[in-house]
N, C-alpha and C. Protein backbone atom coordinates (compact mmCIF):
# COMPACT_ATOMS: atom_id res chain seq x y z
N MET A 1 66.85 -63.97 -88.25
CA MET A 1 67.77 -63.87 -87.14
C MET A 1 67.41 -62.64 -86.31
N THR A 2 67.50 -62.78 -85.00
CA THR A 2 67.19 -61.67 -84.11
C THR A 2 68.46 -61.25 -83.37
N SER A 3 68.39 -60.10 -82.73
CA SER A 3 69.55 -59.64 -81.95
C SER A 3 69.82 -60.58 -80.78
N GLU A 4 68.77 -61.17 -80.21
CA GLU A 4 68.95 -62.12 -79.11
C GLU A 4 69.69 -63.36 -79.58
N ARG A 5 69.33 -63.84 -80.77
CA ARG A 5 70.01 -65.02 -81.31
C ARG A 5 71.45 -64.70 -81.65
N ALA A 6 71.70 -63.52 -82.20
CA ALA A 6 73.08 -63.11 -82.51
C ALA A 6 73.91 -62.98 -81.24
N ALA A 7 73.31 -62.46 -80.18
CA ALA A 7 74.02 -62.34 -78.91
C ALA A 7 74.36 -63.72 -78.33
N ALA A 8 73.42 -64.66 -78.44
CA ALA A 8 73.66 -66.02 -77.97
C ALA A 8 74.81 -66.65 -78.77
N TYR A 9 74.81 -66.42 -80.07
CA TYR A 9 75.88 -66.92 -80.92
C TYR A 9 77.23 -66.36 -80.45
N GLY A 10 77.26 -65.09 -80.14
CA GLY A 10 78.48 -64.46 -79.63
C GLY A 10 78.94 -65.11 -78.33
N ARG A 11 78.01 -65.44 -77.45
CA ARG A 11 78.37 -66.10 -76.19
C ARG A 11 78.95 -67.48 -76.44
N VAL A 12 78.40 -68.21 -77.39
CA VAL A 12 78.92 -69.54 -77.72
C VAL A 12 80.34 -69.41 -78.27
N MET A 13 80.55 -68.48 -79.18
CA MET A 13 81.88 -68.30 -79.77
C MET A 13 82.89 -67.85 -78.71
N THR A 14 82.46 -67.02 -77.78
CA THR A 14 83.35 -66.59 -76.69
C THR A 14 83.72 -67.77 -75.81
N THR A 15 82.76 -68.61 -75.50
CA THR A 15 83.03 -69.80 -74.69
C THR A 15 84.04 -70.69 -75.40
N ILE A 16 83.84 -70.91 -76.68
CA ILE A 16 84.78 -71.74 -77.45
C ILE A 16 86.17 -71.12 -77.43
N SER A 17 86.24 -69.83 -77.64
CA SER A 17 87.52 -69.13 -77.68
C SER A 17 88.21 -69.15 -76.32
N ASP A 18 87.46 -68.89 -75.27
CA ASP A 18 88.03 -68.80 -73.93
C ASP A 18 88.39 -70.15 -73.34
N LEU A 19 87.59 -71.18 -73.61
CA LEU A 19 87.79 -72.48 -72.97
C LEU A 19 88.24 -73.58 -73.92
N GLY A 20 88.21 -73.29 -75.20
CA GLY A 20 88.47 -74.33 -76.19
C GLY A 20 89.77 -75.09 -75.98
N ALA A 21 90.85 -74.39 -75.80
CA ALA A 21 92.15 -75.05 -75.71
C ALA A 21 92.31 -75.87 -74.43
N SER A 22 91.67 -75.44 -73.34
CA SER A 22 91.88 -76.13 -72.08
C SER A 22 90.76 -77.09 -71.70
N LYS A 23 89.55 -76.86 -72.17
CA LYS A 23 88.41 -77.67 -71.73
C LYS A 23 87.69 -78.42 -72.84
N LEU A 24 88.06 -78.15 -74.08
CA LEU A 24 87.38 -78.79 -75.21
C LEU A 24 88.40 -79.30 -76.21
N GLN A 25 88.12 -80.45 -76.77
CA GLN A 25 88.94 -80.99 -77.84
C GLN A 25 88.57 -80.28 -79.14
N PRO A 26 89.49 -80.24 -80.11
CA PRO A 26 89.19 -79.55 -81.37
C PRO A 26 87.89 -80.03 -82.04
N ALA A 27 87.63 -81.31 -82.03
CA ALA A 27 86.41 -81.83 -82.65
C ALA A 27 85.17 -81.35 -81.89
N GLU A 28 85.28 -81.18 -80.58
CA GLU A 28 84.16 -80.68 -79.80
C GLU A 28 83.90 -79.21 -80.12
N CYS A 29 84.96 -78.45 -80.27
CA CYS A 29 84.81 -77.04 -80.66
C CYS A 29 84.10 -76.94 -82.01
N GLU A 30 84.50 -77.78 -82.93
CA GLU A 30 83.89 -77.76 -84.26
C GLU A 30 82.41 -78.15 -84.20
N ARG A 31 82.07 -79.13 -83.37
CA ARG A 31 80.66 -79.51 -83.22
C ARG A 31 79.84 -78.35 -82.70
N LEU A 32 80.38 -77.63 -81.73
CA LEU A 32 79.67 -76.48 -81.17
C LEU A 32 79.52 -75.36 -82.19
N ARG A 33 80.60 -75.06 -82.92
CA ARG A 33 80.54 -74.02 -83.96
C ARG A 33 79.52 -74.37 -85.03
N SER A 34 79.59 -75.60 -85.48
CA SER A 34 78.68 -76.06 -86.54
C SER A 34 77.22 -75.98 -86.08
N ALA A 35 76.95 -76.42 -84.87
CA ALA A 35 75.58 -76.37 -84.36
C ALA A 35 75.10 -74.93 -84.22
N ALA A 36 75.95 -74.07 -83.67
CA ALA A 36 75.56 -72.66 -83.51
C ALA A 36 75.30 -72.02 -84.86
N ASP A 37 76.14 -72.30 -85.85
CA ASP A 37 75.94 -71.76 -87.20
C ASP A 37 74.61 -72.25 -87.78
N THR A 38 74.38 -73.55 -87.70
CA THR A 38 73.15 -74.13 -88.24
C THR A 38 71.93 -73.50 -87.60
N LEU A 39 71.95 -73.40 -86.28
CA LEU A 39 70.79 -72.87 -85.56
C LEU A 39 70.58 -71.38 -85.83
N LEU A 40 71.67 -70.63 -85.89
CA LEU A 40 71.55 -69.19 -86.11
C LEU A 40 70.83 -68.88 -87.42
N PHE A 41 71.11 -69.66 -88.44
CA PHE A 41 70.54 -69.38 -89.76
C PHE A 41 69.28 -70.19 -90.06
N SER A 42 68.78 -70.93 -89.07
CA SER A 42 67.54 -71.68 -89.23
C SER A 42 66.35 -70.77 -88.95
N GLU A 43 65.37 -70.82 -89.81
CA GLU A 43 64.20 -69.97 -89.63
C GLU A 43 63.11 -70.65 -88.81
N THR A 44 63.11 -71.99 -88.81
CA THR A 44 62.10 -72.73 -88.06
C THR A 44 62.75 -73.94 -87.40
N ILE A 45 62.02 -74.51 -86.47
CA ILE A 45 62.50 -75.73 -85.81
C ILE A 45 62.70 -76.83 -86.84
N GLY A 46 61.88 -76.84 -87.88
CA GLY A 46 61.96 -77.88 -88.90
C GLY A 46 63.01 -77.64 -89.97
N ALA A 47 63.80 -76.59 -89.83
CA ALA A 47 64.84 -76.32 -90.83
C ALA A 47 65.81 -77.49 -90.90
N PRO A 48 66.33 -77.78 -92.08
CA PRO A 48 67.24 -78.91 -92.23
C PRO A 48 68.41 -78.83 -91.25
N GLY A 49 68.54 -79.87 -90.45
CA GLY A 49 69.67 -79.98 -89.54
C GLY A 49 69.51 -79.29 -88.20
N ALA A 50 68.48 -78.46 -88.02
CA ALA A 50 68.35 -77.69 -86.78
C ALA A 50 68.15 -78.59 -85.56
N ARG A 51 67.20 -79.46 -85.63
CA ARG A 51 66.93 -80.35 -84.49
C ARG A 51 68.13 -81.26 -84.23
N ALA A 52 68.72 -81.80 -85.28
CA ALA A 52 69.88 -82.69 -85.12
C ALA A 52 71.07 -81.95 -84.49
N ALA A 53 71.26 -80.69 -84.88
CA ALA A 53 72.35 -79.89 -84.32
C ALA A 53 72.16 -79.71 -82.82
N LEU A 54 70.95 -79.39 -82.41
CA LEU A 54 70.68 -79.19 -81.00
C LEU A 54 70.83 -80.50 -80.22
N GLU A 55 70.37 -81.58 -80.79
CA GLU A 55 70.50 -82.89 -80.13
C GLU A 55 71.98 -83.28 -79.99
N ASP A 56 72.79 -82.95 -80.99
CA ASP A 56 74.22 -83.25 -80.91
C ASP A 56 74.87 -82.47 -79.77
N VAL A 57 74.51 -81.21 -79.61
CA VAL A 57 75.07 -80.41 -78.52
C VAL A 57 74.60 -80.95 -77.18
N GLU A 58 73.36 -81.38 -77.11
CA GLU A 58 72.86 -81.97 -75.87
C GLU A 58 73.68 -83.20 -75.50
N ASP A 59 73.96 -84.05 -76.49
CA ASP A 59 74.79 -85.23 -76.25
C ASP A 59 76.20 -84.83 -75.81
N LEU A 60 76.75 -83.81 -76.45
CA LEU A 60 78.10 -83.35 -76.13
C LEU A 60 78.18 -82.83 -74.70
N VAL A 61 77.26 -81.98 -74.30
CA VAL A 61 77.35 -81.42 -72.94
C VAL A 61 77.11 -82.50 -71.89
N GLU A 62 76.24 -83.46 -72.18
CA GLU A 62 76.06 -84.58 -71.25
C GLU A 62 77.35 -85.37 -71.10
N ALA A 63 78.04 -85.60 -72.20
CA ALA A 63 79.32 -86.32 -72.14
C ALA A 63 80.37 -85.53 -71.37
N LEU A 64 80.39 -84.22 -71.54
CA LEU A 64 81.35 -83.38 -70.81
C LEU A 64 81.12 -83.46 -69.31
N VAL A 65 79.86 -83.46 -68.91
CA VAL A 65 79.52 -83.56 -67.48
C VAL A 65 79.80 -84.97 -66.96
N ASP A 66 79.36 -85.98 -67.71
CA ASP A 66 79.54 -87.37 -67.28
C ASP A 66 81.01 -87.74 -67.12
N SER A 67 81.86 -87.15 -67.94
CA SER A 67 83.29 -87.45 -67.87
C SER A 67 83.99 -86.68 -66.75
N GLY A 68 83.29 -85.72 -66.16
CA GLY A 68 83.87 -84.91 -65.10
C GLY A 68 84.70 -83.75 -65.61
N ARG A 69 84.70 -83.53 -66.92
CA ARG A 69 85.49 -82.44 -67.49
C ARG A 69 84.83 -81.09 -67.30
N TRP A 70 83.51 -81.06 -67.22
CA TRP A 70 82.76 -79.80 -67.03
C TRP A 70 81.80 -79.99 -65.88
N MET A 71 81.57 -78.90 -65.17
CA MET A 71 80.54 -78.90 -64.13
C MET A 71 79.18 -78.75 -64.82
N ASP A 72 78.17 -79.30 -64.17
CA ASP A 72 76.82 -79.29 -64.74
C ASP A 72 76.34 -77.88 -65.06
N GLU A 73 76.58 -76.94 -64.17
CA GLU A 73 76.11 -75.56 -64.39
C GLU A 73 76.69 -74.95 -65.66
N ARG A 74 77.99 -75.08 -65.84
CA ARG A 74 78.65 -74.51 -67.01
C ARG A 74 78.17 -75.20 -68.29
N ALA A 75 78.05 -76.51 -68.25
CA ALA A 75 77.59 -77.25 -69.43
C ALA A 75 76.16 -76.88 -69.78
N HIS A 76 75.32 -76.74 -68.76
CA HIS A 76 73.92 -76.36 -68.99
C HIS A 76 73.84 -74.95 -69.60
N ALA A 77 74.67 -74.04 -69.13
CA ALA A 77 74.69 -72.68 -69.68
C ALA A 77 75.13 -72.70 -71.14
N LEU A 78 76.11 -73.53 -71.46
CA LEU A 78 76.55 -73.65 -72.85
C LEU A 78 75.41 -74.16 -73.72
N PHE A 79 74.73 -75.20 -73.26
CA PHE A 79 73.61 -75.74 -74.02
C PHE A 79 72.53 -74.67 -74.24
N GLU A 80 72.21 -73.93 -73.19
CA GLU A 80 71.18 -72.89 -73.31
C GLU A 80 71.60 -71.81 -74.31
N ASN A 81 72.88 -71.47 -74.33
CA ASN A 81 73.35 -70.47 -75.29
C ASN A 81 73.28 -70.99 -76.72
N VAL A 82 73.64 -72.24 -76.93
CA VAL A 82 73.53 -72.81 -78.27
C VAL A 82 72.06 -72.87 -78.66
N GLN A 83 71.22 -73.32 -77.75
CA GLN A 83 69.79 -73.38 -78.04
C GLN A 83 69.23 -72.01 -78.40
N ALA A 84 69.70 -70.98 -77.71
CA ALA A 84 69.20 -69.62 -77.95
C ALA A 84 69.65 -69.06 -79.31
N CYS A 85 70.60 -69.73 -79.97
CA CYS A 85 70.99 -69.34 -81.33
C CYS A 85 69.89 -69.65 -82.33
N GLY A 86 69.03 -70.59 -81.98
CA GLY A 86 68.04 -71.05 -82.95
C GLY A 86 66.64 -70.58 -82.68
N PRO A 87 65.71 -71.08 -83.50
CA PRO A 87 64.32 -70.67 -83.42
C PRO A 87 63.51 -71.46 -82.40
N PHE A 88 64.18 -71.94 -81.36
CA PHE A 88 63.52 -72.77 -80.36
C PHE A 88 63.03 -71.94 -79.19
N THR A 89 61.99 -72.41 -78.55
CA THR A 89 61.55 -71.80 -77.31
C THR A 89 62.29 -72.53 -76.20
N PRO A 90 63.12 -71.84 -75.41
CA PRO A 90 63.86 -72.52 -74.35
C PRO A 90 62.91 -73.23 -73.38
N VAL A 91 63.34 -74.39 -72.95
CA VAL A 91 62.58 -75.16 -71.98
C VAL A 91 63.20 -74.91 -70.62
N GLY A 92 62.38 -74.40 -69.68
CA GLY A 92 62.79 -74.01 -68.35
C GLY A 92 63.68 -74.96 -67.70
């Protein structure tokens, strides 16, 4: 784990805390927490559950945008923060 990954984890938890009650359902909050936890403690992309966790968050943020509940910019920032919790190289 690096300080950058820990900071990204903090941003995800802050987003959940700040927006959870008004913009996210409890199950969505749990999906985000679980993915951030999995990614934070993954040492490689191939770590058990790491890729699946990131794919689940990608599906979640797409659904949030498609439903009109979140703006694309905010959803994309959330995805990038979750991604930054893990051992992935962000894709521009």
